[in-house]
C-alpha atoms as a PDB file:
ATOM      1  CA  MET A   1     -12.745  -3.360  -9.402  1.00  0.00           C
ATOM      2  CA  MET A   2     -14.457  -5.002 -12.412  1.00  0.00           C
ATOM      3  CA  TYR A   3     -17.716  -4.099 -13.921  1.00  0.00           C
ATOM      4  CA  VAL A   4     -18.274  -7.416 -15.632  1.00  0.00           C
ATOM      5  CA  THR A   5     -18.943 -10.371 -13.422  1.00  0.00           C
ATOM      6  CA  GLY A   6     -16.974 -13.574 -13.676  1.00  0.00           C
ATOM      7  CA  ASP A   7     -13.363 -13.608 -14.667  1.00  0.00           C
ATOM      8  CA  PRO A   8     -10.900 -11.073 -13.279  1.00  0.00           C
ATOM      9  CA  VAL A   9     -10.669  -7.769 -15.313  1.00  0.00           C
ATOM     10  CA  GLU A  10      -7.456  -6.248 -16.750  1.00  0.00           C
ATOM     11  CA  GLY A  11      -6.667  -3.115 -18.594  1.00  0.00           C
ATOM     12  CA  ASN A  12      -9.047  -0.216 -19.244  1.00  0.00           C
ATOM     13  CA  ARG A  13     -12.132  -2.114 -17.808  1.00  0.00           C
ATOM     14  CA  PHE A  14     -10.378  -2.153 -14.327  1.00  0.00           C
ATOM     15  CA  ALA A  15     -11.529   0.508 -12.191  1.00  0.00           C
ATOM     16  CA  GLY A  16     -12.423   1.388  -8.682  1.00  0.00           C
ATOM     17  CA  ARG A  17      -9.201   0.197  -6.891  1.00  0.00           C
ATOM     18  CA  GLU A  18      -6.866   2.987  -7.739  1.00  0.00           C
ATOM     19  CA  ASP A  19      -6.324   3.809  -3.998  1.00  0.00           C
ATOM     20  CA  ILE A  20      -4.908   0.255  -3.360  1.00  0.00           C
ATOM     21  CA  LEU A  21      -2.782   0.396  -6.672  1.00  0.00           C
ATOM     22  CA  ARG A  22      -1.391   3.742  -5.643  1.00  0.00           C
ATOM     23  CA  GLN A  23      -0.584   2.374  -2.107  1.00  0.00           C
ATOM     24  CA  LEU A  24       1.382  -0.514  -3.692  1.00  0.00           C
ATOM     25  CA  GLU A  25       3.058   1.729  -6.071  1.00  0.00           C
ATOM     26  CA  GLU A  26       4.192   4.104  -3.491  1.00  0.00           C
ATOM     27  CA  LEU A  27       5.261   1.179  -1.285  1.00  0.00           C
ATOM     28  CA  TRP A  28       7.387  -0.186  -3.952  1.00  0.00           C
ATOM     29  CA  ALA A  29       8.562   3.090  -5.309  1.00  0.00           C
ATOM     30  CA  THR A  30      12.123   3.279  -4.081  1.00  0.00           C
ATOM     31  CA  GLY A  31      12.982  -0.316  -5.080  1.00  0.00           C
ATOM     32  CA  GLN A  32      15.800  -0.478  -2.494  1.00  0.00           C
ATOM     33  CA  GLN A  33      14.085  -3.064  -0.350  1.00  0.00           C
ATOM     34  CA  LEU A  34      10.852  -4.377  -1.686  1.00  0.00           C
ATOM     35  CA  GLN A  35       8.153  -5.045   0.919  1.00  0.00           C
ATOM     36  CA  SER A  36       5.948  -8.132   0.894  1.00  0.00           C
ATOM     37  CA  VAL A  37       2.161  -7.464   1.218  1.00  0.00           C
ATOM     38  CA  VAL A  38      -0.947  -9.491   1.872  1.00  0.00           C
ATOM     39  CA  LEU A  39      -4.236  -8.467   0.227  1.00  0.00           C
ATOM     40  CA  TYR A  40      -7.141  -9.784   2.199  1.00  0.00           C
ATOM     41  CA  GLY A  41     -10.880  -9.672   2.141  1.00  0.00           C
ATOM     42  CA  HIS A  42     -14.011 -11.571   1.332  1.00  0.00           C
ATOM     43  CA  ARG A  43     -14.486 -13.212  -1.875  1.00  0.00           C
ATOM     44  CA  ARG A  44     -15.675 -11.319  -4.992  1.00  0.00           C
ATOM     45  CA  MET A  45     -13.860  -8.182  -3.779  1.00  0.00           C
ATOM     46  CA  GLY A  46     -11.411  -7.883  -6.663  1.00  0.00           C
ATOM     47  CA  LYS A  47      -8.157  -9.144  -5.101  1.00  0.00           C
ATOM     48  CA  THR A  48      -7.328 -11.200  -8.085  1.00  0.00           C
ATOM     49  CA  SER A  49      -7.798  -8.242 -10.432  1.00  0.00           C
ATOM     50  CA  ILE A  50      -5.655  -6.007  -8.358  1.00  0.00           C
ATOM     51  CA  LEU A  51      -2.851  -8.515  -8.650  1.00  0.00           C
ATOM     52  CA  LEU A  52      -3.216  -8.966 -12.354  1.00  0.00           C
ATOM     53  CA  ASN A  53      -3.310  -5.064 -12.862  1.00  0.00           C
ATOM     54  CA  LEU A  54      -0.198  -4.414 -10.709  1.00  0.00           C
ATOM     55  CA  VAL A  55       1.913  -4.313 -13.889  1.00  0.00           C
ATOM     56  CA  ASN A  56      -0.264  -1.391 -15.184  1.00  0.00           C
ATOM     57  CA  CYS A  57       0.531   0.891 -12.454  1.00  0.00           C
ATOM     58  CA  SER A  58       1.465   4.327 -14.031  1.00  0.00           C
ATOM     59  CA  ASN A  59       5.029   4.401 -12.799  1.00  0.00           C
ATOM     60  CA  SER A  60       5.497   0.634 -12.586  1.00  0.00           C
ATOM     61  CA  GLN A  61       9.168  -0.294 -12.153  1.00  0.00           C
ATOM     62  CA  PHE A  62       8.693  -3.865 -11.178  1.00  0.00           C
ATOM     63  CA  LYS A  63       7.834  -7.076 -12.967  1.00  0.00           C
ATOM     64  CA  VAL A  64       4.853  -9.053 -11.530  1.00  0.00           C
ATOM     65  CA  VAL A  65       4.580 -12.862 -11.748  1.00  0.00           C
ATOM     66  CA  TYR A  66       0.944 -14.084 -11.094  1.00  0.00           C
ATOM     67  CA  VAL A  67       0.478 -17.582  -9.664  1.00  0.00           C
ATOM     68  CA  ASN A  68      -3.073 -18.858  -8.746  1.00  0.00           C
ATOM     69  CA  LEU A  69      -2.259 -21.537  -6.088  1.00  0.00           C
ATOM     70  CA  LEU A  70      -5.598 -23.141  -6.663  1.00  0.00           C
ATOM     71  CA  ARG A  71      -4.397 -24.261 -10.124  1.00  0.00           C
ATOM     72  CA  LEU A  72      -1.793 -26.436  -8.318  1.00  0.00           C
ATOM     73  CA  GLY A  73      -4.328 -29.090  -8.159  1.00  0.00           C
ATOM     74  CA  ASN A  74      -3.087 -31.982  -5.915  1.00  0.00           C
ATOM     75  CA  PRO A  75       0.644 -31.815  -5.786  1.00  0.00           C
ATOM     76  CA  LYS A  76       2.506 -34.715  -4.147  1.00  0.00           C
ATOM     77  CA  ASN A  77       5.302 -32.737  -2.633  1.00  0.00           C
ATOM     78  CA  VAL A  78       7.037 -29.291  -2.314  1.00  0.00           C
ATOM     79  CA  GLY A  79       9.030 -29.929  -5.513  1.00  0.00           C
ATOM     80  CA  GLU A  80       5.809 -29.941  -7.631  1.00  0.00           C
ATOM     81  CA  VAL A  81       4.709 -26.685  -5.904  1.00  0.00           C
ATOM     82  CA  LEU A  82       7.939 -24.952  -6.704  1.00  0.00           C
ATOM     83  CA  MET A  83       7.732 -26.429 -10.178  1.00  0.00           C
ATOM     84  CA  ALA A  84       4.505 -24.612 -10.819  1.00  0.00           C
ATOM     85  CA  ILE A  85       5.707 -21.426  -9.419  1.00  0.00           C
ATOM     86  CA  SER A  86       8.904 -21.751 -11.684  1.00  0.00           C
ATOM     87  CA  ASP A  87       6.707 -22.350 -14.859  1.00  0.00           C
ATOM     88  CA  SER A  88       4.754 -19.139 -14.044  1.00  0.00           C
ATOM     89  CA  ILE A  89       7.947 -17.201 -13.662  1.00  0.00           C
ATOM     90  CA  SER A  90       9.368 -18.612 -16.815  1.00  0.00           C
ATOM     91  CA  ASP A  91       6.118 -17.663 -18.694  1.00  0.00           C
ATOM     92  CA  THR A  92       6.441 -14.068 -17.524  1.00  0.00           C
ATOM     93  CA  ILE A  93      10.184 -13.379 -17.339  1.00  0.00           C
ATOM     94  CA  GLY A  94      11.450 -15.778 -19.959  1.00  0.00           C
ATOM     95  CA  CYS A  95      14.009 -17.487 -17.937  1.00  0.00           C
ATOM     96  CA  PRO A  96      13.902 -21.249 -18.537  1.00  0.00           C
ATOM     97  CA  PRO A  97      12.753 -23.090 -15.406  1.00  0.00           C
ATOM     98  CA  PRO A  98      15.024 -25.596 -13.654  1.00  0.00           C
ATOM     99  CA  ASN A  99      14.831 -29.282 -14.684  1.00  0.00           C
ATOM    100  CA  ASP A 100      12.082 -31.165 -13.009  1.00  0.00           C
ATOM    101  CA  GLU A 101      14.669 -33.682 -11.595  1.00  0.00           C
ATOM    102  CA  GLY A 102      16.325 -30.835  -9.735  1.00  0.00           C
ATOM    103  CA  LEU A 103      13.158 -29.432  -8.142  1.00  0.00           C
ATOM    104  CA  LEU A 104      11.987 -32.966  -7.103  1.00  0.00           C
ATOM    105  CA  ASN A 105      15.319 -34.071  -5.595  1.00  0.00           C
ATOM    106  CA  LEU A 106      16.651 -30.885  -4.255  1.00  0.00           C
ATOM    107  CA  PRO A 107      13.630 -28.469  -4.208  1.00  0.00           C
ATOM    108  CA  TYR A 108      14.791 -25.646  -1.921  1.00  0.00           C
ATOM    109  CA  GLN A 109      18.292 -25.382  -3.365  1.00  0.00           C
ATOM    110  CA  THR A 110      17.290 -25.716  -6.803  1.00  0.00           C
ATOM    111  CA  PHE A 111      14.515 -23.021  -6.646  1.00  0.00           C
ATOM    112  CA  GLU A 112      16.677 -20.612  -4.728  1.00  0.00           C
ATOM    113  CA  ARG A 113      19.427 -20.725  -7.462  1.00  0.00           C
ATOM    114  CA  TYR A 114      16.639 -20.175 -10.089  1.00  0.00           C
ATOM    115  CA  PHE A 115      15.011 -17.374  -8.054  1.00  0.00           C
ATOM    116  CA  LYS A 116      18.449 -15.549  -7.690  1.00  0.00           C
ATOM    117  CA  GLN A 117      18.986 -15.822 -11.453  1.00  0.00           C
ATOM    118  CA  VAL A 118      15.563 -14.504 -12.256  1.00  0.00           C
ATOM    119  CA  VAL A 119      16.042 -11.468  -9.841  1.00  0.00           C
ATOM    120  CA  GLU A 120      19.369 -10.754 -11.446  1.00  0.00           C
ATOM    121  CA  THR A 121      17.862 -10.909 -14.829  1.00  0.00           C
ATOM    122  CA  VAL A 122      14.906  -8.543 -13.888  1.00  0.00           C
ATOM    123  CA  THR A 123      17.152  -5.971 -12.188  1.00  0.00           C
ATOM    124  CA  LYS A 124      19.542  -5.886 -15.259  1.00  0.00           C
ATOM    125  CA  THR A 125      16.674  -4.243 -17.242  1.00  0.00           C
ATOM    126  CA  SER A 126      15.068  -0.925 -16.533  1.00  0.00           C
ATOM    127  CA  ARG A 127      12.741  -2.414 -13.964  1.00  0.00           C
ATOM    128  CA  GLN A 128      13.713  -2.231 -10.365  1.00  0.00           C
ATOM    129  CA  GLY A 129      12.418  -5.475  -8.902  1.00  0.00           C
ATOM    130  CA  LEU A 130      10.377  -8.630  -8.943  1.00  0.00           C
ATOM    131  CA  ILE A 131       6.988  -9.184  -7.321  1.00  0.00           C
ATOM    132  CA  ILE A 132       5.745 -12.802  -6.959  1.00  0.00           C
ATOM    133  CA  ALA A 133       1.820 -12.536  -6.617  1.00  0.00           C
ATOM    134  CA  LEU A 134       0.434 -15.733  -4.997  1.00  0.00           C
ATOM    135  CA  ASP A 135      -3.277 -15.750  -5.221  1.00  0.00           C
ATOM    136  CA  GLU A 136      -5.522 -17.844  -2.906  1.00  0.00           C
ATOM    137  CA  PHE A 137      -2.604 -18.333  -0.535  1.00  0.00           C
ATOM    138  CA  GLU A 138      -4.611 -20.416   1.993  1.00  0.00           C
ATOM    139  CA  LYS A 139      -3.767 -23.169  -0.279  1.00  0.00           C
ATOM    140  CA  ILE A 140      -0.445 -23.120   1.404  1.00  0.00           C
ATOM    141  CA  GLU A 141      -1.925 -23.884   4.762  1.00  0.00           C
ATOM    142  CA  GLU A 142      -3.974 -26.640   3.376  1.00  0.00           C
ATOM    143  CA  LEU A 143      -0.829 -28.221   1.836  1.00  0.00           C
ATOM    144  CA  ILE A 144       1.107 -27.952   5.117  1.00  0.00           C
ATOM    145  CA  GLU A 145      -1.826 -29.425   7.206  1.00  0.00           C
ATOM    146  CA  ALA A 146      -1.889 -32.329   4.630  1.00  0.00           C
ATOM    147  CA  GLU A 147       1.906 -32.816   5.084  1.00  0.00           C
ATOM    148  CA  ILE A 148       2.471 -32.454   1.432  1.00  0.00           C
ATOM    149  CA  ILE A 149       4.839 -29.492   1.943  1.00  0.00           C
ATOM    150  CA  PRO A 150       7.058 -28.923   5.063  1.00  0.00           C
ATOM    151  CA  ASN A 151       6.273 -26.566   7.940  1.00  0.00           C
ATOM    152  CA  ASP A 152       9.155 -24.356   7.047  1.00  0.00           C
ATOM    153  CA  PHE A 153       7.834 -23.424   3.705  1.00  0.00           C
ATOM    154  CA  MET A 154       6.730 -19.931   4.691  1.00  0.00           C
ATOM    155  CA  GLY A 155      10.156 -19.332   6.388  1.00  0.00           C
ATOM    156  CA  TYR A 156      11.933 -20.515   3.180  1.00  0.00           C
ATOM    157  CA  LEU A 157       9.954 -17.982   1.213  1.00  0.00           C
ATOM    158  CA  ARG A 158      10.844 -15.199   3.641  1.00  0.00           C
ATOM    159  CA  GLY A 159      14.370 -16.272   3.461  1.00  0.00           C
ATOM    160  CA  LEU A 160      14.300 -15.869  -0.412  1.00  0.00           C
ATOM    161  CA  VAL A 161      13.280 -12.200  -0.195  1.00  0.00           C
ATOM    162  CA  GLN A 162      15.630 -11.460   2.672  1.00  0.00           C
ATOM    163  CA  MET A 163      18.479 -12.567   0.395  1.00  0.00           C
ATOM    164  CA  ASN A 164      17.157 -10.644  -2.655  1.00  0.00           C
ATOM    165  CA  ALA A 165      16.262  -7.084  -1.714  1.00  0.00           C
ATOM    166  CA  GLN A 166      14.752  -6.517  -5.179  1.00  0.00           C
ATOM    167  CA  ALA A 167      12.159  -9.254  -4.771  1.00  0.00           C
ATOM    168  CA  ALA A 168       9.006  -9.417  -2.739  1.00  0.00           C
ATOM    169  CA  PHE A 169       5.878 -11.450  -2.430  1.00  0.00           C
ATOM    170  CA  ALA A 170       2.220 -10.166  -2.732  1.00  0.00           C
ATOM    171  CA  PHE A 171      -0.192 -12.703  -1.088  1.00  0.00           C
ATOM    172  CA  ALA A 172      -3.951 -12.526  -1.640  1.00  0.00           C
ATOM    173  CA  GLY A 173      -6.555 -14.522   0.239  1.00  0.00           C
ATOM    174  CA  LEU A 174      -9.396 -14.412   2.637  1.00  0.00           C
ATOM    175  CA  HIS A 175      -7.408 -13.629   5.793  1.00  0.00           C
ATOM    176  CA  THR A 176      -4.492 -11.684   7.113  1.00  0.00           C
ATOM    177  CA  LEU A 177      -1.424 -13.930   7.942  1.00  0.00           C
ATOM    178  CA  GLU A 178      -2.134 -13.197  11.679  1.00  0.00           C
ATOM    179  CA  GLU A 179      -5.539 -14.882  11.237  1.00  0.00           C
ATOM    180  CA  MET A 180      -4.021 -18.090   9.944  1.00  0.00           C
ATOM    181  CA  THR A 181      -4.017 -20.488  12.636  1.00  0.00           C
ATOM    182  CA  ALA A 182      -0.674 -22.362  12.511  1.00  0.00           C
ATOM    183  CA  ASP A 183       2.692 -21.323  13.998  1.00  0.00           C
ATOM    184  CA  TYR A 184       4.422 -21.503  10.661  1.00  0.00           C
ATOM    185  CA  PHE A 185       2.898 -18.302   9.482  1.00  0.00           C
ATOM    186  CA  GLN A 186       4.564 -16.465  12.381  1.00  0.00           C
ATOM    187  CA  TYR A 187       7.599 -16.163   9.973  1.00  0.00           C
ATOM    188  CA  PHE A 188       5.843 -13.375   8.122  1.00  0.00           C
ATOM    189  CA  PHE A 189       4.078 -11.543  10.912  1.00  0.00           C
ATOM    190  CA  ALA A 190       6.786  -8.867  11.420  1.00  0.00           C
ATOM    191  CA  SER A 191       7.686  -8.311   7.698  1.00  0.00           C
ATOM    192  CA  VAL A 192       4.439  -8.450   5.648  1.00  0.00           C
ATOM    193  CA  ILE A 193       2.187  -5.418   5.359  1.00  0.00           C
ATOM    194  CA  PRO A 194      -1.505  -6.249   5.397  1.00  0.00           C
ATOM    195  CA  ILE A 195      -3.936  -4.290   2.997  1.00  0.00           C
ATOM    196  CA  HIS A 196      -7.679  -4.811   3.421  1.00  0.00           C
ATOM    197  CA  VAL A 197      -9.818  -5.034   0.163  1.00  0.00           C
ATOM    198  CA  GLY A 198     -13.152  -3.966   1.451  1.00  0.00           C
ATOM    199  CA  PHE A 199     -16.313  -2.444   0.055  1.00  0.00           C
ATOM    200  CA  LEU A 200     -16.061   0.210  -2.505  1.00  0.00           C
ATOM    201  CA  GLU A 201     -16.495   3.876  -1.575  1.00  0.00           C
ATOM    202  CA  PRO A 202     -19.431   5.839  -3.043  1.00  0.00           C
ATOM    203  CA  THR A 203     -17.355   7.679  -5.580  1.00  0.00           C
ATOM    204  CA  ALA A 204     -15.770   4.336  -6.949  1.00  0.00           C
ATOM    205  CA  THR A 205     -19.277   2.698  -7.063  1.00  0.00           C
ATOM    206  CA  ARG A 206     -20.598   5.652  -9.262  1.00  0.00           C
ATOM    207  CA  GLN A 207     -17.573   5.298 -11.538  1.00  0.00           C
ATOM    208  CA  ILE A 208     -18.121   1.613 -12.081  1.00  0.00           C
ATOM    209  CA  LEU A 209     -21.708   2.004 -12.866  1.00  0.00           C
ATOM    210  CA  ALA A 210     -21.595   5.085 -14.936  1.00  0.00           C
ATOM    211  CA  ASN A 211     -18.429   4.624 -16.784  1.00  0.00           C
ATOM    212  CA  PRO A 212     -17.012   1.035 -16.209  1.00  0.00           C
ATOM    213  CA  SER A 213     -14.317   1.304 -18.961  1.00  0.00           C
ATOM    214  CA  LEU A 214     -11.789   4.039 -18.659  1.00  0.00           C
ATOM    215  CA  ASP A 215     -11.740   4.483 -22.444  1.00  0.00           C
ATOM    216  CA  ALA A 216     -15.633   4.276 -22.839  1.00  0.00           C
ATOM    217  CA  VAL A 217     -16.500   7.650 -24.389  1.00  0.00           C
ATOM    218  CA  ASP A 218     -20.124   7.059 -24.552  1.00  0.00           C
ATOM    219  CA  PHE A 219     -21.323   4.303 -22.193  1.00  0.00           C
ATOM    220  CA  SER A 220     -24.783   3.081 -23.344  1.00  0.00           C
ATOM    221  CA  LEU A 221     -26.420   3.132 -19.952  1.00  0.00           C
ATOM    222  CA  ASN A 222     -27.293   6.328 -18.139  1.00  0.00           C
ATOM    223  CA  TYR A 223     -28.185   6.456 -14.426  1.00  0.00           C
ATOM    224  CA  THR A 224     -29.722   9.316 -12.514  1.00  0.00           C
ATOM    225  CA  PRO A 225     -27.962  10.532  -9.550  1.00  0.00           C
ATOM    226  CA  ASP A 226     -30.770   9.271  -7.362  1.00  0.00           C
ATOM    227  CA  ALA A 227     -30.433   5.750  -9.035  1.00  0.00           C
ATOM    228  CA  LEU A 228     -26.816   5.770  -8.215  1.00  0.00           C
ATOM    229  CA  ASP A 229     -27.298   6.780  -4.674  1.00  0.00           C
ATOM    230  CA  LEU A 230     -29.911   4.058  -4.261  1.00  0.00           C
ATOM    231  CA  ILE A 231     -27.654   1.315  -5.663  1.00  0.00           C
ATOM    232  CA  TYR A 232     -25.063   2.358  -3.135  1.00  0.00           C
ATOM    233  CA  ARG A 233     -27.505   2.215  -0.328  1.00  0.00           C
ATOM    234  CA  LEU A 234     -28.720  -1.177  -1.269  1.00  0.00           C
ATOM    235  CA  THR A 235     -25.280  -2.735  -1.746  1.00  0.00           C
ATOM    236  CA  ALA A 236     -23.162  -0.693   0.584  1.00  0.00           C
ATOM    237  CA  GLY A 237     -20.548  -0.836  -2.114  1.00  0.00           C
ATOM    238  CA  GLN A 238     -20.133  -4.640  -2.111  1.00  0.00           C
ATOM    239  CA  PRO A 239     -18.428  -5.099  -5.622  1.00  0.00           C
ATOM    240  CA  TYR A 240     -20.448  -8.156  -6.628  1.00  0.00           C
ATOM    241  CA  LEU A 241     -23.824  -6.806  -5.626  1.00  0.00           C
ATOM    242  CA  VAL A 242     -23.071  -3.528  -7.344  1.00  0.00           C
ATOM    243  CA  GLN A 243     -22.441  -5.250 -10.539  1.00  0.00           C
END
């Protein structure tokens, strides 16, 4: 979790969610068939920070592409959605994205060819696979309900990872996929592992308060044990309140 409120935290300032990072690292350790996951929990729990810090797992053998779906703005069609995802992939991996005309006229076919090319590029390096991290994934439901993207979009995403064993999605949002209301999320029910991002444990709460940066040799604030215990009792480990 993060000590400084506001923007997500990366690097040595990220602490308190090692258990979830370890779970993800173990889940993707073999690289033979990467498993898609959904991180769910209330706002201000650190889901975005977890996604951004996946690449820093100690034995990371996967490349992570982070996509904040809220930054899509108001796309007019599925081609524009895939265009934004392609741009994020290109920025991270370095593979030039497809041309806009192809994504607008033949969105699924064009993106599928690009996705396959990206996975092949990643697996030719020392890394084992590709993780596409889609943050604020409720935006997908909003776009489907507005009839901006088709109902089969989730099925299309599932098909991509089924055809590419070295690729997976990491969704992050307020709900599990089972809690989403529409039938089109049924595509992922059997294949996505839900991981709850909840309140911090007492040990993690003390770490964030007493030594928020892992490289901080001498943190300027000192807390008595009683003060740390009181903060945890008052906040129950809710990250934002702790901060």
